[in-house]
Amino acid sequence: MEKEDEKEIVIRVRVVPRASKEKIVEQGGGVFKIKLKAPPVDGKANKALEAFLASVLGIAKSRVEIVSGDKSRLKRVRIRGIRPETVLSILEGAAEKG
């Protein structure tokens, strides 16, 4: 994760598309593994990732942006308008172990 400023953070996410259930699984090295139902076709998984993170964090989708890894499972996602400590606390709290 990279702290951009007081209300912005860039997190690393590993996406698993076509999962049976959408959920966050904490992964080592500061990378969050996120399972999504959407397929990796025509940007559907990317849109689903942005919507899922916005929903979990309780912010607008426009505040979540994929900054790199558009066509990769490993992505960097910028989250704006919420304190970095809050983002990490919410994501870690929502993460299932294993």
PDB file of N, CA and C in Angstrom:
ATOM      1  N   MET A   1       0.827  -1.170   0.000  1.00  0.00           N
ATOM      2  CA  MET A   1       0.000   0.000   0.000  1.00  0.00           C
ATOM      3  C   MET A   1       0.869   1.229   0.000  1.00  0.00           C
ATOM      4  N   GLU A   2       0.383   2.270  -0.609  1.00  0.00           N
ATOM      5  CA  GLU A   2       1.097   3.533  -0.678  1.00  0.00           C
ATOM      6  C   GLU A   2       0.186   4.622  -0.145  1.00  0.00           C
ATOM      7  N   LYS A   3       0.695   5.373   0.806  1.00  0.00           N
ATOM      8  CA  LYS A   3      -0.079   6.475   1.341  1.00  0.00           C
ATOM      9  C   LYS A   3       0.195   7.697   0.481  1.00  0.00           C
ATOM     10  N   GLU A   4      -0.827   8.188  -0.195  1.00  0.00           N
ATOM     11  CA  GLU A   4      -0.674   9.344  -1.074  1.00  0.00           C
ATOM     12  C   GLU A   4      -0.755  10.641  -0.276  1.00  0.00           C
ATOM     13  N   ASP A   5      -1.791  10.811   0.521  1.00  0.00           N
ATOM     14  CA  ASP A   5      -1.926  11.959   1.408  1.00  0.00           C
ATOM     15  C   ASP A   5      -2.926  11.595   2.497  1.00  0.00           C
ATOM     16  N   GLU A   6      -3.428  12.576   3.222  1.00  0.00           N
ATOM     17  CA  GLU A   6      -4.285  12.281   4.362  1.00  0.00           C
ATOM     18  C   GLU A   6      -5.620  11.653   3.996  1.00  0.00           C
ATOM     19  N   LYS A   7      -6.097  11.854   2.770  1.00  0.00           N
ATOM     20  CA  LYS A   7      -7.387  11.292   2.366  1.00  0.00           C
ATOM     21  C   LYS A   7      -7.285  10.505   1.067  1.00  0.00           C
ATOM     22  N   GLU A   8      -6.152   9.871   0.852  1.00  0.00           N
ATOM     23  CA  GLU A   8      -5.956   9.084  -0.358  1.00  0.00           C
ATOM     24  C   GLU A   8      -4.938   7.986  -0.089  1.00  0.00           C
ATOM     25  N   ILE A   9      -5.224   6.799  -0.628  1.00  0.00           N
ATOM     26  CA  ILE A   9      -4.305   5.669  -0.465  1.00  0.00           C
ATOM     27  C   ILE A   9      -4.361   4.819  -1.733  1.00  0.00           C
ATOM     28  N   VAL A  10      -3.252   4.192  -2.054  1.00  0.00           N
ATOM     29  CA  VAL A  10      -3.203   3.226  -3.152  1.00  0.00           C
ATOM     30  C   VAL A  10      -2.930   1.868  -2.523  1.00  0.00           C
ATOM     31  N   ILE A  11      -3.842   0.928  -2.761  1.00  0.00           N
ATOM     32  CA  ILE A  11      -3.675  -0.430  -2.225  1.00  0.00           C
ATOM     33  C   ILE A  11      -3.401  -1.385  -3.378  1.00  0.00           C
ATOM     34  N   ARG A  12      -2.798  -2.511  -3.033  1.00  0.00           N
ATOM     35  CA  ARG A  12      -2.565  -3.570  -4.018  1.00  0.00           C
ATOM     36  C   ARG A  12      -3.621  -4.645  -3.816  1.00  0.00           C
ATOM     37  N   VAL A  13      -4.174  -5.104  -4.940  1.00  0.00           N
ATOM     38  CA  VAL A  13      -5.268  -6.069  -4.907  1.00  0.00           C
ATOM     39  C   VAL A  13      -4.971  -7.179  -5.900  1.00  0.00           C
ATOM     40  N   ARG A  14      -5.217  -8.409  -5.469  1.00  0.00           N
ATOM     41  CA  ARG A  14      -5.148  -9.559  -6.379  1.00  0.00           C
ATOM     42  C   ARG A  14      -6.583 -10.027  -6.590  1.00  0.00           C
ATOM     43  N   VAL A  15      -7.051  -9.969  -7.826  1.00  0.00           N
ATOM     44  CA  VAL A  15      -8.442 -10.286  -8.151  1.00  0.00           C
ATOM     45  C   VAL A  15      -8.573 -11.735  -8.600  1.00  0.00           C
ATOM     46  N   VAL A  16      -9.596 -12.405  -8.079  1.00  0.00           N
ATOM     47  CA  VAL A  16      -9.958 -13.751  -8.519  1.00  0.00           C
ATOM     48  C   VAL A  16     -11.351 -13.638  -9.131  1.00  0.00           C
ATOM     49  N   PRO A  17     -11.438 -13.610 -10.477  1.00  0.00           N
ATOM     50  CA  PRO A  17     -12.745 -13.484 -11.124  1.00  0.00           C
ATOM     51  C   PRO A  17     -13.504 -14.810 -11.133  1.00  0.00           C
ATOM     52  N   ARG A  18     -14.780 -14.735 -11.455  1.00  0.00           N
ATOM     53  CA  ARG A  18     -15.664 -15.905 -11.578  1.00  0.00           C
ATOM     54  C   ARG A  18     -15.743 -16.723 -10.287  1.00  0.00           C
ATOM     55  N   ALA A  19     -15.695 -16.059  -9.157  1.00  0.00           N
ATOM     56  CA  ALA A  19     -15.833 -16.750  -7.874  1.00  0.00           C
ATOM     57  C   ALA A  19     -17.320 -16.967  -7.585  1.00  0.00           C
ATOM     58  N   SER A  20     -17.622 -17.897  -6.710  1.00  0.00           N
ATOM     59  CA  SER A  20     -19.017 -18.161  -6.369  1.00  0.00           C
ATOM     60  C   SER A  20     -19.578 -17.101  -5.422  1.00  0.00           C
ATOM     61  N   LYS A  21     -18.692 -16.436  -4.695  1.00  0.00           N
ATOM     62  CA  LYS A  21     -19.118 -15.433  -3.722  1.00  0.00           C
ATOM     63  C   LYS A  21     -18.119 -14.285  -3.731  1.00  0.00           C
ATOM     64  N   GLU A  22     -18.610 -13.055  -3.611  1.00  0.00           N
ATOM     65  CA  GLU A  22     -17.716 -11.903  -3.553  1.00  0.00           C
ATOM     66  C   GLU A  22     -17.265 -11.697  -2.118  1.00  0.00           C
ATOM     67  N   LYS A  23     -15.935 -11.668  -1.936  1.00  0.00           N
ATOM     68  CA  LYS A  23     -15.397 -11.488  -0.589  1.00  0.00           C
ATOM     69  C   LYS A  23     -13.946 -11.059  -0.656  1.00  0.00           C
ATOM     70  N   ILE A  24     -13.470 -10.566   0.481  1.00  0.00           N
ATOM     71  CA  ILE A  24     -12.073 -10.158   0.627  1.00  0.00           C
ATOM     72  C   ILE A  24     -11.365 -11.217   1.451  1.00  0.00           C
ATOM     73  N   VAL A  25     -10.217 -11.637   0.964  1.00  0.00           N
ATOM     74  CA  VAL A  25      -9.381 -12.568   1.709  1.00  0.00           C
ATOM     75  C   VAL A  25      -8.033 -11.876   1.882  1.00  0.00           C
ATOM     76  N   GLU A  26      -7.652 -11.612   3.102  1.00  0.00           N
ATOM     77  CA  GLU A  26      -6.385 -10.928   3.333  1.00  0.00           C
ATOM     78  C   GLU A  26      -5.241 -11.813   2.871  1.00  0.00           C
ATOM     79  N   GLN A  27      -4.295 -11.212   2.197  1.00  0.00           N
ATOM     80  CA  GLN A  27      -3.147 -11.942   1.682  1.00  0.00           C
ATOM     81  C   GLN A  27      -1.899 -11.240   2.180  1.00  0.00           C
ATOM     82  N   GLY A  28      -0.831 -11.957   2.360  1.00  0.00           N
ATOM     83  CA  GLY A  28       0.401 -11.379   2.881  1.00  0.00           C
ATOM     84  C   GLY A  28       1.025 -10.323   1.984  1.00  0.00           C
ATOM     85  N   GLY A  29       1.945  -9.585   2.551  1.00  0.00           N
ATOM     86  CA  GLY A  29       2.690  -8.586   1.806  1.00  0.00           C
ATOM     87  C   GLY A  29       1.901  -7.339   1.463  1.00  0.00           C
ATOM     88  N   GLY A  30       0.847  -7.059   2.201  1.00  0.00           N
ATOM     89  CA  GLY A  30       0.066  -5.854   1.949  1.00  0.00           C
ATOM     90  C   GLY A  30      -0.831  -5.941   0.730  1.00  0.00           C
ATOM     91  N   VAL A  31      -1.086  -7.146   0.229  1.00  0.00           N
ATOM     92  CA  VAL A  31      -1.954  -7.345  -0.930  1.00  0.00           C
ATOM     93  C   VAL A  31      -3.252  -7.979  -0.446  1.00  0.00           C
ATOM     94  N   PHE A  32      -4.371  -7.385  -0.863  1.00  0.00           N
ATOM     95  CA  PHE A  32      -5.675  -7.964  -0.528  1.00  0.00           C
ATOM     96  C   PHE A  32      -6.154  -8.810  -1.696  1.00  0.00           C
ATOM     97  N   LYS A  33      -6.529 -10.037  -1.410  1.00  0.00           N
ATOM     98  CA  LYS A  33      -7.085 -10.924  -2.422  1.00  0.00           C
ATOM     99  C   LYS A  33      -8.597 -10.736  -2.379  1.00  0.00           C
ATOM    100  N   ILE A  34      -9.170 -10.391  -3.524  1.00  0.00           N
ATOM    101  CA  ILE A  34     -10.606 -10.139  -3.594  1.00  0.00           C
ATOM    102  C   ILE A  34     -11.219 -11.053  -4.643  1.00  0.00           C
ATOM    103  N   LYS A  35     -12.213 -11.820  -4.203  1.00  0.00           N
ATOM    104  CA  LYS A  35     -12.924 -12.727  -5.102  1.00  0.00           C
ATOM    105  C   LYS A  35     -14.176 -12.016  -5.604  1.00  0.00           C
ATOM    106  N   LEU A  36     -14.374 -12.072  -6.928  1.00  0.00           N
ATOM    107  CA  LEU A  36     -15.510 -11.415  -7.562  1.00  0.00           C
ATOM    108  C   LEU A  36     -16.274 -12.397  -8.438  1.00  0.00           C
ATOM    109  N   LYS A  37     -17.571 -12.211  -8.554  1.00  0.00           N
ATOM    110  CA  LYS A  37     -18.393 -13.065  -9.409  1.00  0.00           C
ATOM    111  C   LYS A  37     -18.199 -12.753 -10.889  1.00  0.00           C
ATOM    112  N   ALA A  38     -17.857 -11.523 -11.203  1.00  0.00           N
ATOM    113  CA  ALA A  38     -17.757 -11.073 -12.597  1.00  0.00           C
ATOM    114  C   ALA A  38     -16.623 -11.767 -13.346  1.00  0.00           C
ATOM    115  N   PRO A  39     -16.830 -12.001 -14.649  1.00  0.00           N
ATOM    116  CA  PRO A  39     -15.760 -12.585 -15.468  1.00  0.00           C
ATOM    117  C   PRO A  39     -14.770 -11.500 -15.897  1.00  0.00           C
ATOM    118  N   PRO A  40     -13.546 -11.910 -16.246  1.00  0.00           N
ATOM    119  CA  PRO A  40     -12.541 -10.939 -16.692  1.00  0.00           C
ATOM    120  C   PRO A  40     -12.687 -10.613 -18.181  1.00  0.00           C
ATOM    121  N   VAL A  41     -13.873 -10.204 -18.572  1.00  0.00           N
ATOM    122  CA  VAL A  41     -14.177  -9.943 -19.980  1.00  0.00           C
ATOM    123  C   VAL A  41     -14.724  -8.523 -20.114  1.00  0.00           C
ATOM    124  N   ASP A  42     -14.220  -7.786 -21.073  1.00  0.00           N
ATOM    125  CA  ASP A  42     -14.711  -6.435 -21.374  1.00  0.00           C
ATOM    126  C   ASP A  42     -14.712  -5.512 -20.161  1.00  0.00           C
ATOM    127  N   GLY A  43     -13.748  -5.677 -19.269  1.00  0.00           N
ATOM    128  CA  GLY A  43     -13.639  -4.801 -18.110  1.00  0.00           C
ATOM    129  C   GLY A  43     -14.670  -5.039 -17.021  1.00  0.00           C
ATOM    130  N   LYS A  44     -15.445  -6.116 -17.128  1.00  0.00           N
ATOM    131  CA  LYS A  44     -16.498  -6.385 -16.134  1.00  0.00           C
ATOM    132  C   LYS A  44     -15.931  -6.618 -14.745  1.00  0.00           C
ATOM    133  N   ALA A  45     -14.829  -7.347 -14.650  1.00  0.00           N
ATOM    134  CA  ALA A  45     -14.228  -7.603 -13.332  1.00  0.00           C
ATOM    135  C   ALA A  45     -13.675  -6.307 -12.738  1.00  0.00           C
ATOM    136  N   ASN A  46     -13.107  -5.437 -13.568  1.00  0.00           N
ATOM    137  CA  ASN A  46     -12.589  -4.156 -13.069  1.00  0.00           C
ATOM    138  C   ASN A  46     -13.719  -3.288 -12.525  1.00  0.00           C
ATOM    139  N   LYS A  47     -14.818  -3.214 -13.258  1.00  0.00           N
ATOM    140  CA  LYS A  47     -15.971  -2.433 -12.791  1.00  0.00           C
ATOM    141  C   LYS A  47     -16.540  -3.039 -11.509  1.00  0.00           C
ATOM    142  N   ALA A  48     -16.587  -4.364 -11.468  1.00  0.00           N
ATOM    143  CA  ALA A  48     -17.096  -5.039 -10.273  1.00  0.00           C
ATOM    144  C   ALA A  48     -16.186  -4.782  -9.074  1.00  0.00           C
ATOM    145  N   LEU A  49     -14.872  -4.752  -9.307  1.00  0.00           N
ATOM    146  CA  LEU A  49     -13.917  -4.472  -8.228  1.00  0.00           C
ATOM    147  C   LEU A  49     -14.144  -3.076  -7.666  1.00  0.00           C
ATOM    148  N   GLU A  50     -14.260  -2.088  -8.544  1.00  0.00           N
ATOM    149  CA  GLU A  50     -14.487  -0.715  -8.086  1.00  0.00           C
ATOM    150  C   GLU A  50     -15.797  -0.609  -7.306  1.00  0.00           C
ATOM    151  N   ALA A  51     -16.848  -1.223  -7.805  1.00  0.00           N
ATOM    152  CA  ALA A  51     -18.146  -1.168  -7.127  1.00  0.00           C
ATOM    153  C   ALA A  51     -18.096  -1.899  -5.787  1.00  0.00           C
ATOM    154  N   PHE A  52     -17.426  -3.048  -5.760  1.00  0.00           N
ATOM    155  CA  PHE A  52     -17.336  -3.834  -4.527  1.00  0.00           C
ATOM    156  C   PHE A  52     -16.574  -3.073  -3.450  1.00  0.00           C
ATOM    157  N   LEU A  53     -15.416  -2.515  -3.814  1.00  0.00           N
ATOM    158  CA  LEU A  53     -14.635  -1.761  -2.833  1.00  0.00           C
ATOM    159  C   LEU A  53     -15.404  -0.535  -2.335  1.00  0.00           C
ATOM    160  N   ALA A  54     -16.078   0.167  -3.245  1.00  0.00           N
ATOM    161  CA  ALA A  54     -16.873   1.334  -2.842  1.00  0.00           C
ATOM    162  C   ALA A  54     -17.964   0.932  -1.866  1.00  0.00           C
ATOM    163  N   SER A  55     -18.598  -0.185  -2.133  1.00  0.00           N
ATOM    164  CA  SER A  55     -19.664  -0.674  -1.259  1.00  0.00           C
ATOM    165  C   SER A  55     -19.133  -1.043   0.124  1.00  0.00           C
ATOM    166  N   VAL A  56     -18.036  -1.772   0.160  1.00  0.00           N
ATOM    167  CA  VAL A  56     -17.440  -2.186   1.433  1.00  0.00           C
ATOM    168  C   VAL A  56     -16.992  -0.971   2.247  1.00  0.00           C
ATOM    169  N   LEU A  57     -16.435   0.028   1.566  1.00  0.00           N
ATOM    170  CA  LEU A  57     -15.908   1.212   2.246  1.00  0.00           C
ATOM    171  C   LEU A  57     -16.977   2.276   2.502  1.00  0.00           C
ATOM    172  N   GLY A  58     -18.142   2.115   1.891  1.00  0.00           N
ATOM    173  CA  GLY A  58     -19.215   3.078   2.082  1.00  0.00           C
ATOM    174  C   GLY A  58     -18.956   4.423   1.425  1.00  0.00           C
ATOM    175  N   ILE A  59     -18.330   4.386   0.241  1.00  0.00           N
ATOM    176  CA  ILE A  59     -18.028   5.621  -0.485  1.00  0.00           C
ATOM    177  C   ILE A  59     -18.572   5.510  -1.911  1.00  0.00           C
ATOM    178  N   ALA A  60     -18.554   6.601  -2.648  1.00  0.00           N
ATOM    179  CA  ALA A  60     -19.007   6.611  -4.038  1.00  0.00           C
ATOM    180  C   ALA A  60     -18.022   5.851  -4.930  1.00  0.00           C
ATOM    181  N   LYS A  61     -18.565   5.207  -5.966  1.00  0.00           N
ATOM    182  CA  LYS A  61     -17.713   4.469  -6.911  1.00  0.00           C
ATOM    183  C   LYS A  61     -16.696   5.373  -7.582  1.00  0.00           C
ATOM    184  N   SER A  62     -17.025   6.637  -7.733  1.00  0.00           N
ATOM    185  CA  SER A  62     -16.114   7.575  -8.392  1.00  0.00           C
ATOM    186  C   SER A  62     -14.851   7.829  -7.582  1.00  0.00           C
ATOM    187  N   ARG A  63     -14.838   7.424  -6.321  1.00  0.00           N
ATOM    188  CA  ARG A  63     -13.667   7.604  -5.466  1.00  0.00           C
ATOM    189  C   ARG A  63     -12.727   6.406  -5.490  1.00  0.00           C
ATOM    190  N   VAL A  64     -13.075   5.394  -6.259  1.00  0.00           N
ATOM    191  CA  VAL A  64     -12.252   4.185  -6.383  1.00  0.00           C
ATOM    192  C   VAL A  64     -11.797   4.100  -7.840  1.00  0.00           C
ATOM    193  N   GLU A  65     -10.476   3.997  -8.041  1.00  0.00           N
ATOM    194  CA  GLU A  65      -9.938   4.008  -9.400  1.00  0.00           C
ATOM    195  C   GLU A  65      -8.776   3.023  -9.524  1.00  0.00           C
ATOM    196  N   ILE A  66      -8.831   2.181 -10.535  1.00  0.00           N
ATOM    197  CA  ILE A  66      -7.721   1.274 -10.826  1.00  0.00           C
ATOM    198  C   ILE A  66      -6.652   2.092 -11.544  1.00  0.00           C
ATOM    199  N   VAL A  67      -5.467   2.186 -10.942  1.00  0.00           N
ATOM    200  CA  VAL A  67      -4.402   3.007 -11.529  1.00  0.00           C
ATOM    201  C   VAL A  67      -3.387   2.186 -12.316  1.00  0.00           C
ATOM    202  N   SER A  68      -3.313   0.883 -12.064  1.00  0.00           N
ATOM    203  CA  SER A  68      -2.462   0.020 -12.882  1.00  0.00           C
ATOM    204  C   SER A  68      -2.941  -1.420 -12.753  1.00  0.00           C
ATOM    205  N   GLY A  69      -2.601  -2.217 -13.752  1.00  0.00           N
ATOM    206  CA  GLY A  69      -3.002  -3.618 -13.747  1.00  0.00           C
ATOM    207  C   GLY A  69      -4.363  -3.846 -14.358  1.00  0.00           C
ATOM    208  N   ASP A  70      -4.766  -2.964 -15.251  1.00  0.00           N
ATOM    209  CA  ASP A  70      -6.089  -3.038 -15.871  1.00  0.00           C
ATOM    210  C   ASP A  70      -6.370  -4.406 -16.487  1.00  0.00           C
ATOM    211  N   LYS A  71      -5.358  -5.016 -17.065  1.00  0.00           N
ATOM    212  CA  LYS A  71      -5.541  -6.317 -17.713  1.00  0.00           C
ATOM    213  C   LYS A  71      -4.854  -7.445 -16.949  1.00  0.00           C
ATOM    214  N   SER A  72      -4.494  -7.183 -15.713  1.00  0.00           N
ATOM    215  CA  SER A  72      -3.794  -8.153 -14.876  1.00  0.00           C
ATOM    216  C   SER A  72      -4.641  -8.482 -13.651  1.00  0.00           C
ATOM    217  N   ARG A  73      -4.350  -9.593 -13.022  1.00  0.00           N
ATOM    218  CA  ARG A  73      -5.053  -9.916 -11.779  1.00  0.00           C
ATOM    219  C   ARG A  73      -4.507  -9.103 -10.617  1.00  0.00           C
ATOM    220  N   LEU A  74      -3.246  -8.690 -10.709  1.00  0.00           N
ATOM    221  CA  LEU A  74      -2.642  -7.865  -9.668  1.00  0.00           C
ATOM    222  C   LEU A  74      -2.810  -6.402 -10.071  1.00  0.00           C
ATOM    223  N   LYS A  75      -3.479  -5.642  -9.227  1.00  0.00           N
ATOM    224  CA  LYS A  75      -3.826  -4.258  -9.555  1.00  0.00           C
ATOM    225  C   LYS A  75      -3.425  -3.318  -8.434  1.00  0.00           C
ATOM    226  N   ARG A  76      -3.248  -2.056  -8.796  1.00  0.00           N
ATOM    227  CA  ARG A  76      -3.086  -0.983  -7.820  1.00  0.00           C
ATOM    228  C   ARG A  76      -4.346  -0.148  -7.904  1.00  0.00           C
ATOM    229  N   VAL A  77      -4.984   0.082  -6.758  1.00  0.00           N
ATOM    230  CA  VAL A  77      -6.260   0.784  -6.719  1.00  0.00           C
ATOM    231  C   VAL A  77      -6.128   2.008  -5.818  1.00  0.00           C
ATOM    232  N   ARG A  78      -6.477   3.175  -6.371  1.00  0.00           N
ATOM    233  CA  ARG A  78      -6.457   4.421  -5.594  1.00  0.00           C
ATOM    234  C   ARG A  78      -7.842   4.638  -4.995  1.00  0.00           C
ATOM    235  N   ILE A  79      -7.846   4.942  -3.702  1.00  0.00           N
ATOM    236  CA  ILE A  79      -9.090   5.229  -2.984  1.00  0.00           C
ATOM    237  C   ILE A  79      -8.953   6.634  -2.417  1.00  0.00           C
ATOM    238  N   ARG A  80      -9.906   7.507  -2.780  1.00  0.00           N
ATOM    239  CA  ARG A  80      -9.864   8.905  -2.364  1.00  0.00           C
ATOM    240  C   ARG A  80     -11.037   9.243  -1.445  1.00  0.00           C
ATOM    241  N   GLY A  81     -10.827  10.250  -0.611  1.00  0.00           N
ATOM    242  CA  GLY A  81     -11.906  10.778   0.205  1.00  0.00           C
ATOM    243  C   GLY A  81     -12.116  10.066   1.528  1.00  0.00           C
ATOM    244  N   ILE A  82     -11.177   9.222   1.900  1.00  0.00           N
ATOM    245  CA  ILE A  82     -11.277   8.483   3.158  1.00  0.00           C
ATOM    246  C   ILE A  82      -9.851   8.276   3.676  1.00  0.00           C
ATOM    247  N   ARG A  83      -9.684   8.385   4.969  1.00  0.00           N
ATOM    248  CA  ARG A  83      -8.343   8.276   5.563  1.00  0.00           C
ATOM    249  C   ARG A  83      -7.754   6.879   5.331  1.00  0.00           C
ATOM    250  N   PRO A  84      -6.458   6.798   5.010  1.00  0.00           N
ATOM    251  CA  PRO A  84      -5.808   5.506   4.765  1.00  0.00           C
ATOM    252  C   PRO A  84      -5.983   4.512   5.916  1.00  0.00           C
ATOM    253  N   GLU A  85      -5.883   4.998   7.143  1.00  0.00           N
ATOM    254  CA  GLU A  85      -6.040   4.106   8.305  1.00  0.00           C
ATOM    255  C   GLU A  85      -7.441   3.500   8.338  1.00  0.00           C
ATOM    256  N   THR A  86      -8.429   4.291   7.939  1.00  0.00           N
ATOM    257  CA  THR A  86      -9.810   3.820   7.910  1.00  0.00           C
ATOM    258  C   THR A  86      -9.989   2.762   6.829  1.00  0.00           C
ATOM    259  N   VAL A  87      -9.407   3.015   5.656  1.00  0.00           N
ATOM    260  CA  VAL A  87      -9.489   2.049   4.554  1.00  0.00           C
ATOM    261  C   VAL A  87      -8.919   0.709   5.000  1.00  0.00           C
ATOM    262  N   LEU A  88      -7.712   0.730   5.551  1.00  0.00           N
ATOM    263  CA  LEU A  88      -7.067  -0.523   5.960  1.00  0.00           C
ATOM    264  C   LEU A  88      -7.849  -1.214   7.065  1.00  0.00           C
ATOM    265  N   SER A  89      -8.360  -0.455   7.998  1.00  0.00           N
ATOM    266  CA  SER A  89      -9.142  -1.027   9.096  1.00  0.00           C
ATOM    267  C   SER A  89     -10.399  -1.723   8.576  1.00  0.00           C
ATOM    268  N   ILE A  90     -11.109  -1.072   7.668  1.00  0.00           N
ATOM    269  CA  ILE A  90     -12.336  -1.655   7.107  1.00  0.00           C
ATOM    270  C   ILE A  90     -12.022  -2.904   6.299  1.00  0.00           C
ATOM    271  N   LEU A  91     -11.012  -2.833   5.427  1.00  0.00           N
ATOM    272  CA  LEU A  91     -10.673  -3.980   4.579  1.00  0.00           C
ATOM    273  C   LEU A  91     -10.180  -5.170   5.403  1.00  0.00           C
ATOM    274  N   GLU A  92      -9.336  -4.884   6.389  1.00  0.00           N
ATOM    275  CA  GLU A  92      -8.842  -5.970   7.236  1.00  0.00           C
ATOM    276  C   GLU A  92      -9.975  -6.566   8.055  1.00  0.00           C
ATOM    277  N   GLY A  93     -10.905  -5.737   8.498  1.00  0.00           N
ATOM    278  CA  GLY A  93     -12.062  -6.235   9.259  1.00  0.00           C
ATOM    279  C   GLY A  93     -12.999  -7.062   8.417  1.00  0.00           C
ATOM    280  N   ALA A  94     -13.117  -6.731   7.127  1.00  0.00           N
ATOM    281  CA  ALA A  94     -14.005  -7.452   6.230  1.00  0.00           C
ATOM    282  C   ALA A  94     -13.366  -8.718   5.666  1.00  0.00           C
ATOM    283  N   ALA A  95     -12.054  -8.841   5.789  1.00  0.00           N
ATOM    284  CA  ALA A  95     -11.340  -9.975   5.204  1.00  0.00           C
ATOM    285  C   ALA A  95     -11.607 -11.263   5.968  1.00  0.00           C
ATOM    286  N   GLU A  96     -11.863 -12.292   5.200  1.00  0.00           N
ATOM    287  CA  GLU A  96     -11.977 -13.640   5.763  1.00  0.00           C
ATOM    288  C   GLU A  96     -10.585 -14.251   5.783  1.00  0.00           C
ATOM    289  N   LYS A  97     -10.298 -14.993   6.772  1.00  0.00           N
ATOM    290  CA  LYS A  97      -8.983 -15.631   6.864  1.00  0.00           C
ATOM    291  C   LYS A  97      -9.008 -16.938   6.077  1.00  0.00           C
ATOM    292  N   GLY A  98      -7.955 -17.129   5.256  1.00  0.00           N
ATOM    293  CA  GLY A  98      -7.825 -18.388   4.538  1.00  0.00           C
ATOM    294  C   GLY A  98      -8.215 -18.381   3.143  1.00  0.00           C
TER     295      GLY A  98
END
